[in-house]
Amino acid sequence: MKNESFICDHCHKLVEKSSYTARDHCPYCLYSKHVDINPGDRLNTCHGLLKPIGIEKFKNTFKINYQCLKCGKKHKNIMHDDDNMEEIIKLSTSIY
């Protein structure tokens, strides 16, 4: 599993690596990149932007639902503690 800093391809902000798991999306705009086949492996060759399209309850947290803007595949990532709560709320109320 790779946990590394990156520049977000959507908002262009520097995203520091996570303190507890592999970072899989931008905490500012919530966009992700279609780079994993299995969490943290970075083996997917698509590399399209994953647009956040919804949110769902998962245990005691939430999962962000995504759709790849390049290949159309849908994907889910668990919300991080430092995610932008305003963006999470937008997803939960379908204002996005």
PDB file of N, CA and C in Angstrom:
ATOM      1  N   MET A   1       0.841  -1.176   0.000  1.00  0.00           N
ATOM      2  CA  MET A   1       0.000   0.000   0.000  1.00  0.00           C
ATOM      3  C   MET A   1       0.888   1.242   0.000  1.00  0.00           C
ATOM      4  N   LYS A   2       0.603   2.163  -0.923  1.00  0.00           N
ATOM      5  CA  LYS A   2       1.368   3.408  -1.021  1.00  0.00           C
ATOM      6  C   LYS A   2       0.576   4.555  -0.416  1.00  0.00           C
ATOM      7  N   ASN A   3       1.192   5.252   0.504  1.00  0.00           N
ATOM      8  CA  ASN A   3       0.610   6.434   1.120  1.00  0.00           C
ATOM      9  C   ASN A   3       1.567   7.574   0.816  1.00  0.00           C
ATOM     10  N   GLU A   4       1.177   8.446  -0.110  1.00  0.00           N
ATOM     11  CA  GLU A   4       2.093   9.487  -0.561  1.00  0.00           C
ATOM     12  C   GLU A   4       1.374  10.809  -0.761  1.00  0.00           C
ATOM     13  N   SER A   5       2.126  11.898  -0.695  1.00  0.00           N
ATOM     14  CA  SER A   5       1.592  13.224  -0.992  1.00  0.00           C
ATOM     15  C   SER A   5       1.379  13.342  -2.493  1.00  0.00           C
ATOM     16  N   PHE A   6       0.448  14.239  -2.910  1.00  0.00           N
ATOM     17  CA  PHE A   6       0.214  14.463  -4.334  1.00  0.00           C
ATOM     18  C   PHE A   6      -0.408  15.836  -4.545  1.00  0.00           C
ATOM     19  N   ILE A   7      -0.369  16.296  -5.787  1.00  0.00           N
ATOM     20  CA  ILE A   7      -1.068  17.510  -6.187  1.00  0.00           C
ATOM     21  C   ILE A   7      -2.392  17.057  -6.808  1.00  0.00           C
ATOM     22  N   CYS A   8      -3.494  17.597  -6.310  1.00  0.00           N
ATOM     23  CA  CYS A   8      -4.808  17.216  -6.823  1.00  0.00           C
ATOM     24  C   CYS A   8      -4.958  17.674  -8.266  1.00  0.00           C
ATOM     25  N   ASP A   9      -5.363  16.770  -9.140  1.00  0.00           N
ATOM     26  CA  ASP A   9      -5.574  17.094 -10.556  1.00  0.00           C
ATOM     27  C   ASP A   9      -6.811  17.952 -10.784  1.00  0.00           C
ATOM     28  N   HIS A  10      -7.682  18.068  -9.783  1.00  0.00           N
ATOM     29  CA  HIS A  10      -8.889  18.872  -9.943  1.00  0.00           C
ATOM     30  C   HIS A  10      -8.708  20.284  -9.378  1.00  0.00           C
ATOM     31  N   CYS A  11      -8.325  20.421  -8.107  1.00  0.00           N
ATOM     32  CA  CYS A  11      -8.203  21.749  -7.487  1.00  0.00           C
ATOM     33  C   CYS A  11      -6.765  22.244  -7.411  1.00  0.00           C
ATOM     34  N   HIS A  12      -5.805  21.371  -7.730  1.00  0.00           N
ATOM     35  CA  HIS A  12      -4.381  21.698  -7.807  1.00  0.00           C
ATOM     36  C   HIS A  12      -3.738  22.041  -6.462  1.00  0.00           C
ATOM     37  N   LYS A  13      -4.359  21.619  -5.362  1.00  0.00           N
ATOM     38  CA  LYS A  13      -3.778  21.840  -4.036  1.00  0.00           C
ATOM     39  C   LYS A  13      -2.863  20.676  -3.690  1.00  0.00           C
ATOM     40  N   LEU A  14      -1.856  20.969  -2.861  1.00  0.00           N
ATOM     41  CA  LEU A  14      -0.977  19.927  -2.352  1.00  0.00           C
ATOM     42  C   LEU A  14      -1.719  19.146  -1.278  1.00  0.00           C
ATOM     43  N   VAL A  15      -1.771  17.834  -1.426  1.00  0.00           N
ATOM     44  CA  VAL A  15      -2.429  16.952  -0.470  1.00  0.00           C
ATOM     45  C   VAL A  15      -1.345  16.128   0.211  1.00  0.00           C
ATOM     46  N   GLU A  16      -1.221  16.318   1.516  1.00  0.00           N
ATOM     47  CA  GLU A  16      -0.221  15.573   2.284  1.00  0.00           C
ATOM     48  C   GLU A  16      -0.687  14.132   2.499  1.00  0.00           C
ATOM     49  N   LYS A  17       0.269  13.227   2.684  1.00  0.00           N
ATOM     50  CA  LYS A  17      -0.108  11.837   2.922  1.00  0.00           C
ATOM     51  C   LYS A  17      -0.863  11.722   4.236  1.00  0.00           C
ATOM     52  N   SER A  18      -1.656  10.690   4.323  1.00  0.00           N
ATOM     53  CA  SER A  18      -2.492  10.454   5.494  1.00  0.00           C
ATOM     54  C   SER A  18      -1.651   9.952   6.660  1.00  0.00           C
ATOM     55  N   SER A  19      -2.119  10.241   7.856  1.00  0.00           N
ATOM     56  CA  SER A  19      -1.408   9.774   9.047  1.00  0.00           C
ATOM     57  C   SER A  19      -1.817   8.361   9.453  1.00  0.00           C
ATOM     58  N   TYR A  20      -2.888   7.810   8.818  1.00  0.00           N
ATOM     59  CA  TYR A  20      -3.347   6.495   9.275  1.00  0.00           C
ATOM     60  C   TYR A  20      -3.677   5.489   8.177  1.00  0.00           C
ATOM     61  N   THR A  21      -3.702   5.892   6.912  1.00  0.00           N
ATOM     62  CA  THR A  21      -4.011   4.944   5.831  1.00  0.00           C
ATOM     63  C   THR A  21      -3.535   5.543   4.515  1.00  0.00           C
ATOM     64  N   ALA A  22      -3.652   4.820   3.429  1.00  0.00           N
ATOM     65  CA  ALA A  22      -3.273   5.368   2.122  1.00  0.00           C
ATOM     66  C   ALA A  22      -4.267   6.458   1.737  1.00  0.00           C
ATOM     67  N   ARG A  23      -3.749   7.618   1.388  1.00  0.00           N
ATOM     68  CA  ARG A  23      -4.607   8.736   0.956  1.00  0.00           C
ATOM     69  C   ARG A  23      -5.163   8.392  -0.410  1.00  0.00           C
ATOM     70  N   ASP A  24      -6.501   8.439  -0.569  1.00  0.00           N
ATOM     71  CA  ASP A  24      -7.109   8.038  -1.832  1.00  0.00           C
ATOM     72  C   ASP A  24      -7.969   9.116  -2.473  1.00  0.00           C
ATOM     73  N   HIS A  25      -8.020  10.301  -1.880  1.00  0.00           N
ATOM     74  CA  HIS A  25      -8.762  11.408  -2.483  1.00  0.00           C
ATOM     75  C   HIS A  25      -8.313  12.727  -1.852  1.00  0.00           C
ATOM     76  N   CYS A  26      -8.659  13.806  -2.504  1.00  0.00           N
ATOM     77  CA  CYS A  26      -8.310  15.144  -2.036  1.00  0.00           C
ATOM     78  C   CYS A  26      -9.259  15.548  -0.908  1.00  0.00           C
ATOM     79  N   PRO A  27      -8.740  15.978   0.241  1.00  0.00           N
ATOM     80  CA  PRO A  27      -9.621  16.378   1.333  1.00  0.00           C
ATOM     81  C   PRO A  27     -10.285  17.739   1.101  1.00  0.00           C
ATOM     82  N   TYR A  28      -9.809  18.494   0.121  1.00  0.00           N
ATOM     83  CA  TYR A  28     -10.351  19.829  -0.155  1.00  0.00           C
ATOM     84  C   TYR A  28     -11.566  19.772  -1.080  1.00  0.00           C
ATOM     85  N   CYS A  29     -11.411  19.151  -2.252  1.00  0.00           N
ATOM     86  CA  CYS A  29     -12.500  19.098  -3.242  1.00  0.00           C
ATOM     87  C   CYS A  29     -13.143  17.711  -3.329  1.00  0.00           C
ATOM     88  N   LEU A  30     -12.553  16.721  -2.663  1.00  0.00           N
ATOM     89  CA  LEU A  30     -13.009  15.325  -2.592  1.00  0.00           C
ATOM     90  C   LEU A  30     -12.792  14.519  -3.867  1.00  0.00           C
ATOM     91  N   TYR A  31     -12.258  15.122  -4.923  1.00  0.00           N
ATOM     92  CA  TYR A  31     -11.976  14.363  -6.141  1.00  0.00           C
ATOM     93  C   TYR A  31     -10.876  13.339  -5.867  1.00  0.00           C
ATOM     94  N   SER A  32     -10.883  12.286  -6.632  1.00  0.00           N
ATOM     95  CA  SER A  32      -9.889  11.237  -6.535  1.00  0.00           C
ATOM     96  C   SER A  32      -9.360  10.964  -7.941  1.00  0.00           C
ATOM     97  N   LYS A  33      -8.451  10.029  -8.038  1.00  0.00           N
ATOM     98  CA  LYS A  33      -7.903   9.643  -9.326  1.00  0.00           C
ATOM     99  C   LYS A  33      -7.994   8.132  -9.439  1.00  0.00           C
ATOM    100  N   HIS A  34      -8.365   7.641 -10.589  1.00  0.00           N
ATOM    101  CA  HIS A  34      -8.584   6.214 -10.824  1.00  0.00           C
ATOM    102  C   HIS A  34      -7.236   5.508 -11.000  1.00  0.00           C
ATOM    103  N   VAL A  35      -6.544   5.297  -9.877  1.00  0.00           N
ATOM    104  CA  VAL A  35      -5.196   4.714  -9.939  1.00  0.00           C
ATOM    105  C   VAL A  35      -5.085   3.341  -9.278  1.00  0.00           C
ATOM    106  N   ASP A  36      -6.069   2.954  -8.473  1.00  0.00           N
ATOM    107  CA  ASP A  36      -5.973   1.686  -7.754  1.00  0.00           C
ATOM    108  C   ASP A  36      -6.914   0.626  -8.330  1.00  0.00           C
ATOM    109  N   ILE A  37      -6.439  -0.613  -8.303  1.00  0.00           N
ATOM    110  CA  ILE A  37      -7.307  -1.768  -8.542  1.00  0.00           C
ATOM    111  C   ILE A  37      -7.792  -2.236  -7.166  1.00  0.00           C
ATOM    112  N   ASN A  38      -6.857  -2.414  -6.250  1.00  0.00           N
ATOM    113  CA  ASN A  38      -7.138  -2.688  -4.847  1.00  0.00           C
ATOM    114  C   ASN A  38      -6.580  -1.510  -4.045  1.00  0.00           C
ATOM    115  N   PRO A  39      -7.200  -1.149  -2.918  1.00  0.00           N
ATOM    116  CA  PRO A  39      -6.790   0.043  -2.180  1.00  0.00           C
ATOM    117  C   PRO A  39      -5.275   0.161  -1.969  1.00  0.00           C
ATOM    118  N   GLY A  40      -4.728   1.275  -2.459  1.00  0.00           N
ATOM    119  CA  GLY A  40      -3.318   1.589  -2.255  1.00  0.00           C
ATOM    120  C   GLY A  40      -2.335   0.937  -3.197  1.00  0.00           C
ATOM    121  N   ASP A  41      -2.790   0.099  -4.165  1.00  0.00           N
ATOM    122  CA  ASP A  41      -1.818  -0.612  -5.005  1.00  0.00           C
ATOM    123  C   ASP A  41      -1.295   0.215  -6.184  1.00  0.00           C
ATOM    124  N   ARG A  42      -2.014   1.256  -6.604  1.00  0.00           N
ATOM    125  CA  ARG A  42      -1.628   2.160  -7.702  1.00  0.00           C
ATOM    126  C   ARG A  42      -1.363   1.415  -9.010  1.00  0.00           C
ATOM    127  N   LEU A  43      -2.129   0.322  -9.268  1.00  0.00           N
ATOM    128  CA  LEU A  43      -1.904  -0.515 -10.450  1.00  0.00           C
ATOM    129  C   LEU A  43      -2.899  -0.276 -11.590  1.00  0.00           C
ATOM    130  N   ASN A  44      -3.899   0.583 -11.396  1.00  0.00           N
ATOM    131  CA  ASN A  44      -4.868   0.835 -12.462  1.00  0.00           C
ATOM    132  C   ASN A  44      -4.255   1.775 -13.489  1.00  0.00           C
ATOM    133  N   THR A  45      -4.440   1.494 -14.758  1.00  0.00           N
ATOM    134  CA  THR A  45      -3.847   2.303 -15.832  1.00  0.00           C
ATOM    135  C   THR A  45      -4.781   3.388 -16.355  1.00  0.00           C
ATOM    136  N   CYS A  46      -6.019   3.472 -15.860  1.00  0.00           N
ATOM    137  CA  CYS A  46      -6.982   4.461 -16.345  1.00  0.00           C
ATOM    138  C   CYS A  46      -6.524   5.889 -16.043  1.00  0.00           C
ATOM    139  N   HIS A  47      -6.256   6.168 -14.795  1.00  0.00           N
ATOM    140  CA  HIS A  47      -5.784   7.481 -14.315  1.00  0.00           C
ATOM    141  C   HIS A  47      -6.767   8.620 -14.574  1.00  0.00           C
ATOM    142  N   GLY A  48      -8.048   8.301 -14.829  1.00  0.00           N
ATOM    143  CA  GLY A  48      -9.063   9.342 -15.000  1.00  0.00           C
ATOM    144  C   GLY A  48      -9.425   9.980 -13.668  1.00  0.00           C
ATOM    145  N   LEU A  49     -10.025  11.161 -13.721  1.00  0.00           N
ATOM    146  CA  LEU A  49     -10.500  11.810 -12.507  1.00  0.00           C
ATOM    147  C   LEU A  49     -11.765  11.118 -12.020  1.00  0.00           C
ATOM    148  N   LEU A  50     -11.833  10.873 -10.721  1.00  0.00           N
ATOM    149  CA  LEU A  50     -13.016  10.310 -10.096  1.00  0.00           C
ATOM    150  C   LEU A  50     -13.799  11.456  -9.464  1.00  0.00           C
ATOM    151  N   LYS A  51     -14.952  11.748 -10.034  1.00  0.00           N
ATOM    152  CA  LYS A  51     -15.800  12.840  -9.546  1.00  0.00           C
ATOM    153  C   LYS A  51     -16.680  12.340  -8.407  1.00  0.00           C
ATOM    154  N   PRO A  52     -16.711  13.069  -7.270  1.00  0.00           N
ATOM    155  CA  PRO A  52     -17.619  12.670  -6.197  1.00  0.00           C
ATOM    156  C   PRO A  52     -19.067  12.914  -6.624  1.00  0.00           C
ATOM    157  N   ILE A  53     -19.901  11.878  -6.528  1.00  0.00           N
ATOM    158  CA  ILE A  53     -21.289  11.996  -7.001  1.00  0.00           C
ATOM    159  C   ILE A  53     -22.313  11.692  -5.919  1.00  0.00           C
ATOM    160  N   GLY A  54     -21.859  11.259  -4.759  1.00  0.00           N
ATOM    161  CA  GLY A  54     -22.796  10.941  -3.684  1.00  0.00           C
ATOM    162  C   GLY A  54     -22.068  10.470  -2.452  1.00  0.00           C
ATOM    163  N   ILE A  55     -22.843  10.182  -1.440  1.00  0.00           N
ATOM    164  CA  ILE A  55     -22.274   9.721  -0.170  1.00  0.00           C
ATOM    165  C   ILE A  55     -23.244   8.713   0.441  1.00  0.00           C
ATOM    166  N   GLU A  56     -22.697   7.746   1.177  1.00  0.00           N
ATOM    167  CA  GLU A  56     -23.545   6.769   1.851  1.00  0.00           C
ATOM    168  C   GLU A  56     -22.972   6.433   3.215  1.00  0.00           C
ATOM    169  N   LYS A  57     -23.844   6.108   4.138  1.00  0.00           N
ATOM    170  CA  LYS A  57     -23.442   5.719   5.486  1.00  0.00           C
ATOM    171  C   LYS A  57     -22.713   4.387   5.417  1.00  0.00           C
ATOM    172  N   PHE A  58     -21.602   4.280   6.155  1.00  0.00           N
ATOM    173  CA  PHE A  58     -20.830   3.041   6.217  1.00  0.00           C
ATOM    174  C   PHE A  58     -20.311   2.875   7.634  1.00  0.00           C
ATOM    175  N   LYS A  59     -20.859   1.902   8.367  1.00  0.00           N
ATOM    176  CA  LYS A  59     -20.516   1.670   9.774  1.00  0.00           C
ATOM    177  C   LYS A  59     -20.661   2.977  10.544  1.00  0.00           C
ATOM    178  N   ASN A  60     -19.581   3.476  11.156  1.00  0.00           N
ATOM    179  CA  ASN A  60     -19.673   4.717  11.927  1.00  0.00           C
ATOM    180  C   ASN A  60     -19.106   5.918  11.168  1.00  0.00           C
ATOM    181  N   THR A  61     -19.028   5.802   9.856  1.00  0.00           N
ATOM    182  CA  THR A  61     -18.512   6.889   9.019  1.00  0.00           C
ATOM    183  C   THR A  61     -19.300   6.920   7.709  1.00  0.00           C
ATOM    184  N   PHE A  62     -18.697   7.424   6.661  1.00  0.00           N
ATOM    185  CA  PHE A  62     -19.350   7.499   5.351  1.00  0.00           C
ATOM    186  C   PHE A  62     -18.404   7.054   4.250  1.00  0.00           C
ATOM    187  N   LYS A  63     -18.980   6.626   3.139  1.00  0.00           N
ATOM    188  CA  LYS A  63     -18.216   6.358   1.917  1.00  0.00           C
ATOM    189  C   LYS A  63     -18.618   7.396   0.888  1.00  0.00           C
ATOM    190  N   ILE A  64     -17.630   7.903   0.158  1.00  0.00           N
ATOM    191  CA  ILE A  64     -17.884   8.833  -0.936  1.00  0.00           C
ATOM    192  C   ILE A  64     -18.030   8.005  -2.200  1.00  0.00           C
ATOM    193  N   ASN A  65     -19.108   8.219  -2.942  1.00  0.00           N
ATOM    194  CA  ASN A  65     -19.332   7.522  -4.211  1.00  0.00           C
ATOM    195  C   ASN A  65     -18.753   8.366  -5.343  1.00  0.00           C
ATOM    196  N   TYR A  66     -18.070   7.701  -6.264  1.00  0.00           N
ATOM    197  CA  TYR A  66     -17.394   8.369  -7.371  1.00  0.00           C
ATOM    198  C   TYR A  66     -17.808   7.771  -8.696  1.00  0.00           C
ATOM    199  N   GLN A  67     -17.627   8.562  -9.746  1.00  0.00           N
ATOM    200  CA  GLN A  67     -17.714   8.039 -11.110  1.00  0.00           C
ATOM    201  C   GLN A  67     -16.520   8.592 -11.876  1.00  0.00           C
ATOM    202  N   CYS A  68     -15.819   7.700 -12.575  1.00  0.00           N
ATOM    203  CA  CYS A  68     -14.642   8.086 -13.349  1.00  0.00           C
ATOM    204  C   CYS A  68     -15.077   8.879 -14.579  1.00  0.00           C
ATOM    205  N   LEU A  69     -14.482  10.040 -14.764  1.00  0.00           N
ATOM    206  CA  LEU A  69     -14.814  10.887 -15.913  1.00  0.00           C
ATOM    207  C   LEU A  69     -14.197  10.376 -17.211  1.00  0.00           C
ATOM    208  N   LYS A  70     -13.288   9.412 -17.108  1.00  0.00           N
ATOM    209  CA  LYS A  70     -12.636   8.855 -18.309  1.00  0.00           C
ATOM    210  C   LYS A  70     -13.301   7.552 -18.757  1.00  0.00           C
ATOM    211  N   CYS A  71     -13.442   6.589 -17.844  1.00  0.00           N
ATOM    212  CA  CYS A  71     -13.962   5.274 -18.239  1.00  0.00           C
ATOM    213  C   CYS A  71     -15.389   5.015 -17.748  1.00  0.00           C
ATOM    214  N   GLY A  72     -15.919   5.865 -16.870  1.00  0.00           N
ATOM    215  CA  GLY A  72     -17.285   5.731 -16.398  1.00  0.00           C
ATOM    216  C   GLY A  72     -17.489   4.801 -15.213  1.00  0.00           C
ATOM    217  N   LYS A  73     -16.447   4.074 -14.805  1.00  0.00           N
ATOM    218  CA  LYS A  73     -16.587   3.129 -13.700  1.00  0.00           C
ATOM    219  C   LYS A  73     -16.918   3.862 -12.405  1.00  0.00           C
ATOM    220  N   LYS A  74     -17.762   3.219 -11.591  1.00  0.00           N
ATOM    221  CA  LYS A  74     -18.101   3.766 -10.282  1.00  0.00           C
ATOM    222  C   LYS A  74     -17.217   3.130  -9.221  1.00  0.00           C
ATOM    223  N   HIS A  75     -16.948   3.913  -8.179  1.00  0.00           N
ATOM    224  CA  HIS A  75     -15.984   3.524  -7.153  1.00  0.00           C
ATOM    225  C   HIS A  75     -16.399   4.167  -5.838  1.00  0.00           C
ATOM    226  N   LYS A  76     -15.935   3.635  -4.713  1.00  0.00           N
ATOM    227  CA  LYS A  76     -16.223   4.204  -3.395  1.00  0.00           C
ATOM    228  C   LYS A  76     -14.938   4.292  -2.582  1.00  0.00           C
ATOM    229  N   ASN A  77     -14.823   5.373  -1.818  1.00  0.00           N
ATOM    230  CA  ASN A  77     -13.713   5.553  -0.889  1.00  0.00           C
ATOM    231  C   ASN A  77     -14.281   5.950   0.463  1.00  0.00           C
ATOM    232  N   ILE A  78     -13.656   5.483   1.532  1.00  0.00           N
ATOM    233  CA  ILE A  78     -14.083   5.876   2.873  1.00  0.00           C
ATOM    234  C   ILE A  78     -13.649   7.313   3.134  1.00  0.00           C
ATOM    235  N   MET A  79     -14.536   8.080   3.738  1.00  0.00           N
ATOM    236  CA  MET A  79     -14.259   9.456   4.103  1.00  0.00           C
ATOM    237  C   MET A  79     -13.092   9.505   5.098  1.00  0.00           C
ATOM    238  N   HIS A  80     -12.245  10.526   4.977  1.00  0.00           N
ATOM    239  CA  HIS A  80     -11.148  10.734   5.927  1.00  0.00           C
ATOM    240  C   HIS A  80     -11.565  11.763   6.965  1.00  0.00           C
ATOM    241  N   ASP A  81     -10.932  11.717   8.123  1.00  0.00           N
ATOM    242  CA  ASP A  81     -11.244  12.650   9.212  1.00  0.00           C
ATOM    243  C   ASP A  81     -11.031  14.106   8.827  1.00  0.00           C
ATOM    244  N   ASP A  82     -10.111  14.369   7.899  1.00  0.00           N
ATOM    245  CA  ASP A  82      -9.789  15.756   7.540  1.00  0.00           C
ATOM    246  C   ASP A  82     -10.482  16.223   6.254  1.00  0.00           C
ATOM    247  N   ASP A  83     -11.475  15.479   5.767  1.00  0.00           N
ATOM    248  CA  ASP A  83     -12.200  15.890   4.563  1.00  0.00           C
ATOM    249  C   ASP A  83     -13.000  17.171   4.813  1.00  0.00           C
ATOM    250  N   ASN A  84     -13.145  17.958   3.755  1.00  0.00           N
ATOM    251  CA  ASN A  84     -13.893  19.209   3.794  1.00  0.00           C
ATOM    252  C   ASN A  84     -15.378  18.895   4.061  1.00  0.00           C
ATOM    253  N   MET A  85     -15.830  19.235   5.263  1.00  0.00           N
ATOM    254  CA  MET A  85     -17.192  18.883   5.658  1.00  0.00           C
ATOM    255  C   MET A  85     -18.239  19.624   4.826  1.00  0.00           C
ATOM    256  N   GLU A  86     -17.947  20.819   4.347  1.00  0.00           N
ATOM    257  CA  GLU A  86     -18.888  21.522   3.475  1.00  0.00           C
ATOM    258  C   GLU A  86     -19.136  20.740   2.189  1.00  0.00           C
ATOM    259  N   GLU A  87     -18.086  20.145   1.624  1.00  0.00           N
ATOM    260  CA  GLU A  87     -18.232  19.332   0.417  1.00  0.00           C
ATOM    261  C   GLU A  87     -18.995  18.039   0.716  1.00  0.00           C
ATOM    262  N   ILE A  88     -18.758  17.454   1.888  1.00  0.00           N
ATOM    263  CA  ILE A  88     -19.487  16.251   2.293  1.00  0.00           C
ATOM    264  C   ILE A  88     -20.988  16.571   2.400  1.00  0.00           C
ATOM    265  N   ILE A  89     -21.305  17.709   3.009  1.00  0.00           N
ATOM    266  CA  ILE A  89     -22.701  18.109   3.163  1.00  0.00           C
ATOM    267  C   ILE A  89     -23.343  18.339   1.799  1.00  0.00           C
ATOM    268  N   LYS A  90     -22.616  18.970   0.867  1.00  0.00           N
ATOM    269  CA  LYS A  90     -23.150  19.175  -0.487  1.00  0.00           C
ATOM    270  C   LYS A  90     -23.516  17.833  -1.127  1.00  0.00           C
ATOM    271  N   LEU A  91     -22.623  16.843  -0.949  1.00  0.00           N
ATOM    272  CA  LEU A  91     -22.910  15.519  -1.524  1.00  0.00           C
ATOM    273  C   LEU A  91     -24.140  14.889  -0.874  1.00  0.00           C
ATOM    274  N   SER A  92     -24.279  15.072   0.424  1.00  0.00           N
ATOM    275  CA  SER A  92     -25.379  14.419   1.144  1.00  0.00           C
ATOM    276  C   SER A  92     -26.723  15.073   0.850  1.00  0.00           C
ATOM    277  N   THR A  93     -26.720  16.306   0.362  1.00  0.00           N
ATOM    278  CA  THR A  93     -27.975  16.993   0.073  1.00  0.00           C
ATOM    279  C   THR A  93     -28.206  17.136  -1.423  1.00  0.00           C
ATOM    280  N   SER A  94     -27.389  16.505  -2.231  1.00  0.00           N
ATOM    281  CA  SER A  94     -27.506  16.491  -3.683  1.00  0.00           C
ATOM    282  C   SER A  94     -27.449  17.869  -4.317  1.00  0.00           C
ATOM    283  N   ILE A  95     -26.717  18.798  -3.694  1.00  0.00           N
ATOM    284  CA  ILE A  95     -26.527  20.134  -4.249  1.00  0.00           C
ATOM    285  C   ILE A  95     -25.337  20.121  -5.197  1.00  0.00           C
ATOM    286  N   TYR A  96     -24.539  19.103  -5.136  1.00  0.00           N
ATOM    287  CA  TYR A  96     -23.262  19.037  -5.843  1.00  0.00           C
ATOM    288  C   TYR A  96     -23.425  19.199  -7.268  1.00  0.00           C
TER     289      TYR A  96
END
